Amino acid sequence: AAIIALANISIDSTSQLPSSELEKRRMSYFFHDSLTELYNEDYLQTLLNTSNHQFKFLTIIELKKFTDFNKKHGWEEGNKVIKSFAKFLNELLPEATIVRFHGDDFIVLNKYHLKINEEMLSRFEQIGEIIFSIKTHEIDEYFDFKKL
């Protein structure tokens, strides 16, 4: 009975992604990291579980040994470095969408492959004790967010 009743129904494709600056601002309440003002993990999960996002490449930037940095200098100083690094990434990669991930890691999403390397990141003035790890993944319809 349901197949007969719904046979002529067509479902329009919709997206939960913002289509205007105003919608982006509204979403920021739920999807922005309060410390860095970057997107948060919830946004990343929502975005990657949407079939019509425009991103094809994902780069993970891990701040290695950041727990040791926090132990040595304190959480407040660590927060300053994370916030400063987020600002640095935004300036370095203005066309990318950047997500703070697992506290001290960052995910860069873009339509094309960005050649992010340690030399670029070494321009970050507070690099001293911080070691970077960079991994790039191509996103396709089989990309598994849970493997991050």
Protein backbone atom coordinates (compact mmCIF):
# COMPACT_ATOMS: atom_id res chain seq x y z
CA ALA A 1 0.00 0.00 0.00
CA ALA A 2 2.86 2.39 0.84
CA ILE A 3 4.58 1.79 -2.50
CA ILE A 4 1.37 2.64 -4.37
CA ALA A 5 0.60 5.70 -2.19
CA LEU A 6 4.13 7.12 -2.48
CA ALA A 7 4.88 6.15 -6.09
CA ASN A 8 4.47 9.70 -7.43
CA ILE A 9 6.28 11.46 -4.60
CA SER A 10 9.67 13.00 -5.38
CA ILE A 11 12.04 14.09 -2.66
CA ASP A 12 14.12 17.17 -3.29
CA SER A 13 17.77 16.94 -2.32
CA THR A 14 18.51 19.13 0.65
CA SER A 15 21.60 20.08 2.59
CA GLN A 16 22.20 21.13 6.14
CA LEU A 17 25.25 23.09 5.04
CA PRO A 18 24.91 26.88 5.28
CA SER A 19 24.18 28.65 2.03
CA SER A 20 24.72 32.22 3.22
CA GLU A 21 26.93 34.15 5.61
CA LEU A 22 23.97 34.58 7.98
CA GLU A 23 23.41 30.82 8.11
CA LYS A 24 27.14 30.33 8.76
CA ARG A 25 26.89 32.69 11.73
CA ARG A 26 23.87 30.86 13.10
CA MET A 27 25.70 27.56 12.82
CA SER A 28 28.75 28.99 14.59
CA TYR A 29 26.97 28.66 17.92
CA PHE A 30 27.03 24.87 17.54
CA PHE A 31 30.01 24.31 15.29
CA HIS A 32 32.75 26.73 16.33
CA ASP A 33 35.48 25.96 18.81
CA SER A 34 35.32 28.57 21.57
CA LEU A 35 39.10 28.84 22.02
CA THR A 36 40.28 29.08 18.42
CA GLU A 37 37.13 30.22 16.59
CA LEU A 38 37.80 27.44 14.07
CA TYR A 39 35.23 24.78 13.34
CA ASN A 40 34.88 21.96 15.87
CA GLU A 41 34.70 18.17 15.55
CA ASP A 42 30.89 18.19 15.43
CA TYR A 43 31.03 20.34 12.28
CA LEU A 44 33.58 18.01 10.71
CA GLN A 45 31.42 14.97 11.38
CA THR A 46 28.30 16.73 10.06
CA LEU A 47 30.17 17.92 6.98
CA LEU A 48 31.79 14.62 6.07
CA ASN A 49 28.53 12.75 6.57
CA THR A 50 26.90 15.05 3.99
CA SER A 51 27.23 13.73 0.46
CA ASN A 52 27.26 17.12 -1.25
CA HIS A 53 30.23 18.84 0.38
CA GLN A 54 32.79 20.31 -2.00
CA PHE A 55 35.91 19.04 -0.25
CA LYS A 56 38.19 16.48 -1.88
CA PHE A 57 41.27 16.63 0.35
CA LEU A 58 41.81 16.45 4.07
CA THR A 59 45.13 17.21 5.75
CA ILE A 60 45.76 16.38 9.39
CA ILE A 61 48.26 18.54 11.28
CA GLU A 62 49.18 16.98 14.60
CA LEU A 63 51.04 18.89 17.26
CA LYS A 64 53.23 16.16 18.69
CA LYS A 65 54.26 16.19 22.35
CA PHE A 66 51.83 19.02 23.12
CA THR A 67 50.87 17.30 26.38
CA ASP A 68 54.50 17.68 27.46
CA PHE A 69 54.34 21.37 26.51
CA ASN A 70 51.25 21.81 28.70
CA LYS A 71 52.87 20.01 31.63
CA LYS A 72 55.96 22.19 31.39
CA HIS A 73 54.28 25.58 30.74
CA GLY A 74 50.72 25.10 32.00
CA TRP A 75 47.33 24.87 30.31
CA GLU A 76 46.91 28.62 30.02
CA GLU A 77 50.13 28.97 28.05
CA GLY A 78 49.16 25.93 25.97
CA ASN A 79 45.82 27.55 25.15
CA LYS A 80 47.62 30.69 24.00
CA VAL A 81 49.78 28.61 21.64
CA ILE A 82 46.78 26.69 20.27
CA LYS A 83 44.89 29.94 19.68
CA SER A 84 47.91 31.56 18.06
CA PHE A 85 48.54 28.52 15.85
CA ALA A 86 44.89 28.53 14.73
CA LYS A 87 45.25 32.18 13.70
CA PHE A 88 48.50 31.33 11.89
CA LEU A 89 46.77 28.52 9.95
CA ASN A 90 43.87 30.80 8.98
CA GLU A 91 46.31 33.36 7.61
CA LEU A 92 48.45 30.72 5.88
CA LEU A 93 45.46 28.90 4.32
CA PRO A 94 42.67 31.46 3.85
CA GLU A 95 40.78 29.38 1.25
CA ALA A 96 40.64 26.27 3.43
CA THR A 97 38.15 25.15 6.08
CA ILE A 98 40.05 24.38 9.27
CA VAL A 99 38.81 22.26 12.16
CA ARG A 100 40.30 21.90 15.63
CA PHE A 101 40.37 18.18 16.28
CA HIS A 102 41.08 16.28 19.52
CA GLY A 103 42.33 19.37 21.34
CA ASP A 104 45.77 19.87 19.82
CA ASP A 105 45.35 18.66 16.24
CA PHE A 106 43.94 20.42 13.20
CA ILE A 107 42.20 19.20 10.06
CA VAL A 108 42.40 21.25 6.89
CA LEU A 109 39.69 20.63 4.28
CA ASN A 110 39.97 21.92 0.75
CA LYS A 111 38.70 21.41 -2.79
CA TYR A 112 42.21 20.63 -4.05
CA HIS A 113 45.39 19.24 -2.57
CA LEU A 114 47.25 21.81 -0.48
CA LYS A 115 50.95 21.21 -0.20
CA ILE A 116 51.30 21.74 3.51
CA ASN A 117 54.71 20.77 4.82
CA GLU A 118 56.80 21.18 7.94
CA GLU A 119 58.80 23.99 6.33
CA MET A 120 55.63 26.06 5.91
CA LEU A 121 54.58 25.36 9.48
CA SER A 122 58.02 26.18 10.84
CA ARG A 123 57.23 29.84 10.15
CA PHE A 124 55.00 29.68 13.20
CA GLU A 125 56.99 31.82 15.64
CA GLN A 126 56.33 29.69 18.73
CA ILE A 127 57.56 26.48 17.15
CA GLY A 128 60.41 25.85 19.64
CA GLU A 129 59.34 22.66 21.42
CA ILE A 130 56.44 21.72 19.16
CA ILE A 131 56.84 18.96 16.59
CA PHE A 132 54.43 18.62 13.66
CA SER A 133 53.12 15.53 11.94
CA ILE A 134 51.32 16.04 8.63
CA LYS A 135 49.10 13.49 6.86
CA THR A 136 47.02 14.05 3.72
CA HIS A 137 44.02 11.96 2.68
CA GLU A 138 41.94 12.18 -0.45
CA ILE A 139 38.23 12.17 0.37
CA ASP A 140 35.94 10.02 -1.72
CA GLU A 141 32.53 8.48 -1.17
CA TYR A 142 34.14 5.69 0.84
CA PHE A 143 36.04 7.97 3.22
CA ASP A 144 35.51 6.81 6.80
CA PHE A 145 35.45 9.70 9.29
CA LYS A 146 35.81 7.24 12.17
CA LYS A 147 39.34 6.28 11.02
CA LEU A 148 40.66 9.72 11.91
